[in-house]
Amino acid sequence: MSEPQRTVLIVDDEAPLRRVLERALEREGYRVLAAGSAETAYELLAAGPADAILLDIRLPTMSGLALFLAIVNRWPALAGRIAIMTGDAEADEVRTWIERNPCALLRKPFNLRQIFDWLAAVLEAPGRESGNG
């Protein structure tokens, strides 16, 4: 019996980066949902489950940090399955926020191996179920 396909939501307003991540994850066998805004991401999650989320910190109308809080408020099981992507990891605001919230940090520029390793660690752990089903 094969494992069910895992769904990853990519939330980044940079379309070229979103497309690169989407293609790379699909090649690795993931089902990918992609959003360029916080609102679209939230709508996608409300419509169906995601197993992990790659979330940019800088989004047009709502910060990724605010979206993170909205997501874990509605779907608490996703808290440990969200990786914040940022080039501002050294900013005091970001460091403080990361220390206080249960999420991974992927510093831009990152390489695909870092993403695949994080996804494997998060999704391959025994007993994992879909985060917002």
Protein backbone atom coordinates (compact mmCIF):
# COMPACT_ATOMS: atom_id res chain seq x y z
CA MET A 1 0.00 0.00 0.00
CA SER A 2 1.51 3.33 -1.01
CA GLU A 3 1.50 6.35 1.26
CA PRO A 4 -1.05 9.06 0.51
CA GLN A 5 0.28 12.05 -1.36
CA ARG A 6 1.23 14.88 1.00
CA THR A 7 0.03 18.43 0.34
CA VAL A 8 2.30 21.44 0.77
CA LEU A 9 1.01 25.00 0.68
CA ILE A 10 3.48 27.61 -0.60
CA VAL A 11 2.68 31.19 0.39
CA ASP A 12 4.96 33.76 -1.25
CA ASP A 13 4.16 36.90 -3.22
CA GLU A 14 7.21 36.39 -5.46
CA ALA A 15 5.72 34.42 -8.37
CA PRO A 16 9.08 33.17 -9.77
CA LEU A 17 10.08 31.69 -6.40
CA ARG A 18 6.62 30.18 -5.96
CA ARG A 19 6.86 28.50 -9.37
CA VAL A 20 10.35 27.10 -8.70
CA LEU A 21 9.23 25.66 -5.36
CA GLU A 22 6.03 24.32 -6.87
CA ARG A 23 7.84 22.48 -9.68
CA ALA A 24 10.53 21.10 -7.36
CA LEU A 25 8.01 19.80 -4.84
CA GLU A 26 5.80 18.25 -7.51
CA ARG A 27 8.86 16.42 -8.93
CA GLU A 28 9.39 14.99 -5.44
CA GLY A 29 5.82 13.68 -5.39
CA TYR A 30 4.09 16.35 -3.32
CA ARG A 31 0.71 17.83 -4.16
CA VAL A 32 1.24 21.60 -4.15
CA LEU A 33 -1.08 24.48 -3.43
CA ALA A 34 0.31 27.95 -4.13
CA ALA A 35 -0.81 31.37 -2.95
CA GLY A 36 0.55 34.85 -3.56
CA SER A 37 -1.36 36.44 -0.67
CA ALA A 38 -2.45 35.70 2.88
CA GLU A 39 -6.11 35.81 1.86
CA THR A 40 -5.66 33.23 -0.89
CA ALA A 41 -3.66 30.98 1.42
CA TYR A 42 -6.37 31.09 4.08
CA GLU A 43 -9.06 30.32 1.48
CA LEU A 44 -7.06 27.33 0.20
CA LEU A 45 -6.67 25.98 3.73
CA ALA A 46 -10.38 26.47 4.44
CA ALA A 47 -11.22 24.51 1.27
CA GLY A 48 -9.07 21.48 2.10
CA PRO A 49 -6.23 20.15 4.21
CA ALA A 50 -2.52 20.83 3.89
CA ASP A 51 0.17 18.77 5.55
CA ALA A 52 2.85 21.49 5.64
CA ILE A 53 3.17 25.18 4.82
CA LEU A 54 6.08 27.21 3.45
CA LEU A 55 5.23 30.77 4.48
CA ASP A 56 7.00 33.96 3.42
CA ILE A 57 7.20 36.58 6.13
CA ARG A 58 6.59 39.55 3.80
CA LEU A 59 3.21 39.48 2.05
CA PRO A 60 1.31 42.37 0.47
CA THR A 61 -1.73 42.90 2.74
CA MET A 62 -0.95 40.87 5.85
CA SER A 63 2.40 39.75 7.22
CA GLY A 64 3.28 36.09 7.16
CA LEU A 65 3.59 36.29 10.93
CA ALA A 66 -0.03 37.47 11.26
CA LEU A 67 -1.13 34.74 8.84
CA PHE A 68 0.75 32.15 10.90
CA LEU A 69 -1.22 33.19 13.99
CA ALA A 70 -4.53 33.11 12.08
CA ILE A 71 -3.74 29.62 10.77
CA VAL A 72 -2.76 28.10 14.11
CA ASN A 73 -5.74 29.75 15.78
CA ARG A 74 -8.11 27.92 13.41
CA TRP A 75 -5.99 24.78 12.80
CA PRO A 76 -3.75 24.26 15.87
CA ALA A 77 -2.35 20.96 14.52
CA LEU A 78 -0.52 22.92 11.78
CA ALA A 79 1.59 24.91 14.28
CA GLY A 80 4.61 22.62 14.03
CA ARG A 81 4.22 22.15 10.28
CA ILE A 82 4.87 25.73 9.17
CA ALA A 83 8.25 26.97 8.01
CA ILE A 84 8.75 30.72 7.87
CA MET A 85 10.78 31.81 4.84
CA THR A 86 12.63 35.11 5.14
CA GLY A 87 15.70 37.07 4.24
CA ASP A 88 15.19 39.14 7.40
CA ALA A 89 15.98 36.43 9.94
CA GLU A 90 18.41 38.69 11.81
CA ALA A 91 15.87 41.49 12.38
CA ASP A 92 15.03 41.79 16.09
CA GLU A 93 11.29 41.57 15.42
CA VAL A 94 11.69 38.34 13.45
CA ARG A 95 14.11 36.70 15.91
CA THR A 96 11.84 37.49 18.85
CA TRP A 97 8.80 36.20 17.00
CA ILE A 98 10.53 32.94 15.99
CA GLU A 99 11.62 32.34 19.59
CA ARG A 100 8.01 32.66 20.78
CA ASN A 101 6.24 30.59 18.12
CA PRO A 102 6.54 26.92 17.16
CA CYS A 103 7.78 27.08 13.59
CA ALA A 104 10.85 26.34 11.53
CA LEU A 105 12.93 29.07 9.92
CA LEU A 106 14.21 28.86 6.35
CA ARG A 107 16.60 31.72 5.64
CA LYS A 108 16.50 33.12 2.11
CA PRO A 109 18.36 32.35 0.00
CA PHE A 110 17.90 28.68 0.85
CA ASN A 111 18.45 25.60 -1.26
CA LEU A 112 15.89 22.98 -2.14
CA ARG A 113 17.65 20.35 -0.02
CA GLN A 114 16.84 22.40 3.09
CA ILE A 115 13.16 22.37 2.16
CA PHE A 116 13.12 18.66 1.35
CA ASP A 117 14.92 17.86 4.62
CA TRP A 118 12.46 19.95 6.64
CA LEU A 119 9.46 18.36 4.91
CA ALA A 120 10.85 14.87 5.49
CA ALA A 121 11.36 15.60 9.18
CA VAL A 122 7.89 17.09 9.61
CA LEU A 123 5.88 14.73 7.43
CA GLU A 124 7.63 11.42 7.91
CA ALA A 125 7.33 11.37 11.71
CA PRO A 126 5.19 8.44 12.90
CA GLY A 127 1.58 9.21 13.69
CA ARG A 128 1.31 12.37 11.60
CA GLU A 129 -2.15 13.15 10.30
CA SER A 130 -3.28 15.97 8.08
CA GLY A 131 -3.10 19.25 9.94
CA ASN A 132 -6.42 20.91 9.11
CA GLY A 133 -8.77 18.16 8.04
